[in-house]
N, C-alpha and C. Protein backbone atom coordinates (compact mmCIF):
# COMPACT_ATOMS: atom_id res chain seq x y z
N LEU A 1 0.67 2.67 -13.91
CA LEU A 1 1.41 3.43 -12.94
C LEU A 1 0.83 2.46 -11.36
N LEU A 2 0.28 2.86 -11.42
CA LEU A 2 -0.18 1.69 -9.68
C LEU A 2 -0.02 0.62 -9.85
N GLY A 3 0.35 0.02 -10.55
CA GLY A 3 0.58 -1.47 -10.91
C GLY A 3 1.94 -1.45 -9.75
N THR A 4 2.82 -0.66 -11.06
CA THR A 4 4.23 -0.83 -10.18
C THR A 4 4.53 -0.12 -8.91
N PHE A 5 3.82 0.84 -7.99
CA PHE A 5 3.45 1.26 -7.13
C PHE A 5 3.24 -0.13 -6.10
N PHE A 6 2.32 -0.69 -6.37
CA PHE A 6 1.99 -1.77 -5.82
C PHE A 6 2.68 -2.64 -5.33
N LEU A 7 3.47 -3.30 -6.75
CA LEU A 7 4.90 -4.36 -6.46
C LEU A 7 5.95 -3.96 -5.87
N GLY A 8 6.40 -2.35 -6.30
CA GLY A 8 7.37 -2.48 -4.72
C GLY A 8 6.78 -1.94 -3.53
N LEU A 9 5.65 -1.99 -3.36
CA LEU A 9 4.97 -1.89 -1.81
C LEU A 9 4.99 -3.29 -1.34
N PHE A 10 4.28 -4.28 -1.91
CA PHE A 10 3.92 -5.22 -1.34
C PHE A 10 4.46 -6.80 -2.23
N PHE A 11 5.56 -6.33 -3.20
CA PHE A 11 6.19 -7.74 -3.57
C PHE A 11 7.65 -7.30 -3.43
N ARG A 12 8.35 -8.07 -2.72
CA ARG A 12 9.98 -7.77 -2.06
C ARG A 12 10.32 -8.51 -3.09
N GLN A 13 10.48 -9.60 -3.69
CA GLN A 13 11.18 -10.14 -4.88
C GLN A 13 11.44 -9.41 -5.78
N VAL A 14 10.18 -8.64 -6.13
CA VAL A 14 10.22 -8.20 -7.79
C VAL A 14 11.67 -7.11 -7.76
N ASP A 15 12.63 -7.10 -8.68
CA ASP A 15 13.48 -6.02 -8.73
C ASP A 15 13.15 -5.18 -9.99
N GLN A 16 13.94 -4.05 -10.32
CA GLN A 16 13.72 -3.28 -10.91
C GLN A 16 12.80 -3.23 -11.84
N ALA A 17 14.18 -4.78 -12.48
CA ALA A 17 13.61 -4.53 -14.15
C ALA A 17 12.29 -5.39 -14.42
N ALA A 18 12.04 -6.09 -13.25
CA ALA A 18 10.62 -7.28 -13.13
C ALA A 18 9.90 -5.94 -13.47
N ALA A 19 10.17 -5.16 -12.42
CA ALA A 19 8.46 -3.90 -12.54
C ALA A 19 8.83 -3.15 -14.01
N TYR A 20 10.04 -2.82 -14.57
CA TYR A 20 10.08 -2.31 -15.70
C TYR A 20 9.32 -2.75 -16.45
N ALA A 21 9.59 -4.82 -16.62
CA ALA A 21 8.94 -5.63 -17.64
C ALA A 21 7.10 -5.58 -17.49
N GLY A 22 6.81 -5.38 -16.01
CA GLY A 22 5.08 -5.42 -15.46
C GLY A 22 4.39 -3.98 -16.18
N LEU A 23 5.43 -2.91 -15.86
CA LEU A 23 4.85 -1.44 -16.49
C LEU A 23 4.60 -1.62 -18.12
N LEU A 24 5.74 -2.31 -19.05
CA LEU A 24 5.38 -2.01 -19.78
C LEU A 24 4.25 -3.16 -20.20
N ALA A 25 4.06 -4.24 -19.95
CA ALA A 25 3.08 -5.25 -19.97
C ALA A 25 1.50 -4.60 -20.05
N GLY A 26 1.73 -3.77 -18.89
CA GLY A 26 0.31 -3.10 -17.91
C GLY A 26 0.08 -2.20 -19.49
N LEU A 27 1.45 -0.91 -19.56
CA LEU A 27 0.59 -0.20 -21.09
C LEU A 27 0.35 -0.93 -22.35
N ALA A 28 1.30 -1.71 -22.49
CA ALA A 28 0.71 -2.97 -23.87
C ALA A 28 -0.41 -3.35 -24.07
N VAL A 29 -1.02 -3.59 -22.68
CA VAL A 29 -2.29 -3.86 -22.66
C VAL A 29 -3.36 -3.36 -22.34
N MET A 30 -3.24 -2.40 -21.72
CA MET A 30 -3.94 -1.24 -21.71
C MET A 30 -4.35 -0.65 -23.16
N ILE A 31 -2.92 -0.34 -23.92
CA ILE A 31 -3.61 0.01 -25.39
C ILE A 31 -4.35 -0.71 -25.95
N MET A 32 -4.36 -1.86 -25.92
CA MET A 32 -5.38 -2.86 -26.43
C MET A 32 -6.50 -2.88 -26.36
N VAL A 33 -6.66 -2.75 -24.83
CA VAL A 33 -7.81 -2.89 -23.91
C VAL A 33 -8.84 -1.18 -24.86
N MET A 34 -8.22 -0.16 -24.69
CA MET A 34 -8.91 0.81 -24.92
C MET A 34 -9.24 0.87 -26.56
N ALA A 35 -8.42 0.59 -27.23
CA ALA A 35 -8.58 0.58 -28.51
C ALA A 35 -9.51 -0.88 -29.28
N GLN A 36 -9.82 -1.63 -28.29
CA GLN A 36 -10.44 -2.48 -29.18
C GLN A 36 -11.53 -2.70 -28.25
N THR A 37 -11.88 -2.59 -27.43
CA THR A 37 -13.23 -3.24 -26.27
C THR A 37 -14.01 -1.95 -25.86
N SER A 38 -14.75 -2.12 -25.68
CA SER A 38 -15.76 -0.88 -25.32
C SER A 38 -16.09 -1.01 -24.15
N ILE A 39 -15.30 -1.59 -23.11
CA ILE A 39 -14.83 -1.32 -21.71
C ILE A 39 -15.52 -0.23 -20.75
N ASP A 40 -16.14 0.05 -20.00
CA ASP A 40 -15.86 1.12 -19.31
C ASP A 40 -15.00 1.69 -18.38
N PHE A 41 -14.67 3.40 -18.32
CA PHE A 41 -13.32 3.51 -17.83
C PHE A 41 -13.05 3.16 -16.38
N THR A 42 -13.82 2.68 -15.95
CA THR A 42 -13.89 2.31 -14.40
C THR A 42 -13.01 1.03 -14.37
N TRP A 43 -13.32 0.28 -15.18
CA TRP A 43 -12.19 -0.82 -15.20
C TRP A 43 -11.01 -1.10 -15.63
N HIS A 44 -10.50 0.24 -16.02
CA HIS A 44 -9.10 0.48 -16.68
C HIS A 44 -8.17 0.38 -15.93
N THR A 45 -8.42 1.29 -14.90
CA THR A 45 -7.45 1.10 -14.00
C THR A 45 -7.22 -0.30 -12.83
N PHE A 46 -8.44 -1.39 -12.71
CA PHE A 46 -8.36 -2.56 -12.56
C PHE A 46 -7.69 -3.30 -13.19
N ILE A 47 -7.92 -4.18 -14.74
CA ILE A 47 -7.46 -4.46 -15.25
C ILE A 47 -5.63 -3.86 -15.28
N GLY A 48 -5.38 -2.44 -15.73
CA GLY A 48 -3.70 -2.20 -15.99
C GLY A 48 -3.14 -2.74 -14.53
N CYS A 49 -3.70 -2.40 -13.21
CA CYS A 49 -2.93 -2.82 -12.56
C CYS A 49 -2.92 -4.60 -11.80
N GLY A 50 -3.66 -5.23 -12.54
CA GLY A 50 -3.67 -6.67 -12.29
C GLY A 50 -2.91 -7.43 -13.26
N VAL A 51 -2.60 -6.41 -14.50
CA VAL A 51 -1.83 -6.78 -15.56
C VAL A 51 -0.10 -6.41 -15.25
N THR A 52 -0.23 -5.63 -15.05
CA THR A 52 1.18 -5.27 -13.82
C THR A 52 1.83 -5.93 -12.88
N ILE A 53 0.73 -6.37 -12.20
CA ILE A 53 1.09 -6.74 -11.13
C ILE A 53 1.86 -8.69 -11.31
N LEU A 54 0.74 -8.95 -12.23
CA LEU A 54 1.01 -10.88 -12.61
C LEU A 54 2.74 -10.32 -13.39
N ALA A 55 2.01 -10.04 -14.40
CA ALA A 55 3.45 -9.61 -15.36
C ALA A 55 4.62 -9.52 -14.81
N GLY A 56 4.97 -8.52 -13.65
CA GLY A 56 6.09 -8.07 -12.81
C GLY A 56 6.42 -9.90 -12.09
N ASN A 57 5.43 -10.02 -11.36
CA ASN A 57 5.73 -11.11 -10.65
C ASN A 57 6.30 -11.82 -11.62
N GLY A 58 5.97 -12.15 -12.90
CA GLY A 58 5.93 -13.54 -13.35
C GLY A 58 7.06 -13.37 -14.04
N PHE A 59 7.77 -12.13 -14.65
CA PHE A 59 8.92 -11.87 -14.93
C PHE A 59 10.78 -12.11 -13.59
N ALA A 60 10.04 -11.75 -12.57
CA ALA A 60 10.75 -12.03 -11.52
C ALA A 60 10.92 -13.53 -11.45
N ALA A 61 9.91 -13.97 -10.90
CA ALA A 61 9.80 -15.49 -10.83
C ALA A 61 11.27 -16.30 -12.05
N VAL A 62 10.72 -15.73 -13.01
CA VAL A 62 11.41 -16.42 -14.60
C VAL A 62 13.06 -16.11 -14.48
N SER A 63 13.31 -14.80 -13.99
CA SER A 63 14.48 -14.71 -13.72
C SER A 63 14.99 -14.88 -12.46
N ARG A 64 14.36 -14.96 -11.43
CA ARG A 64 15.16 -16.16 -10.33
C ARG A 64 15.32 -17.23 -10.91
N ARG A 65 14.42 -17.70 -11.72
CA ARG A 65 14.90 -19.15 -11.76
C ARG A 65 15.98 -19.55 -12.87
N LEU A 66 15.74 -19.04 -13.48
CA LEU A 66 17.19 -18.79 -14.82
C LEU A 66 18.28 -18.52 -14.14
N THR A 67 18.45 -17.10 -13.17
CA THR A 67 19.85 -16.92 -12.40
C THR A 67 20.12 -18.14 -11.63
N LYS A 68 19.27 -18.43 -11.24
CA LYS A 68 19.57 -20.22 -10.03
C LYS A 68 20.07 -20.99 -11.21
N TRP A 69 19.30 -21.15 -12.13
CA TRP A 69 20.10 -22.42 -13.27
C TRP A 69 21.48 -21.99 -14.21
N SER A 70 21.35 -20.81 -13.51
CA SER A 70 22.48 -19.80 -14.51
C SER A 70 24.15 -20.38 -13.76
N CYS A 71 23.93 -20.12 -12.49
CA CYS A 71 25.34 -20.11 -11.32
C CYS A 71 25.63 -21.39 -11.13
N PRO A 72 26.90 -21.53 -11.44
CA PRO A 72 27.87 -22.74 -11.00
C PRO A 72 26.98 -23.55 -9.28
């Protein structure tokens, strides 16, 4: 949730769909991290926030590129 907040606050090129994709990616990674690793809980916020920001920005970049290619 913190990563989604930071996406909206600091990255103006990220739209609603990209923020939602980042949120889902961060949630999926956090479920895997908590289930399969013994990383201390203090790192969970950093990992989830980082994954959300990276995935949201990546999705926004890909969707902008696809939109640019589809317009005549």
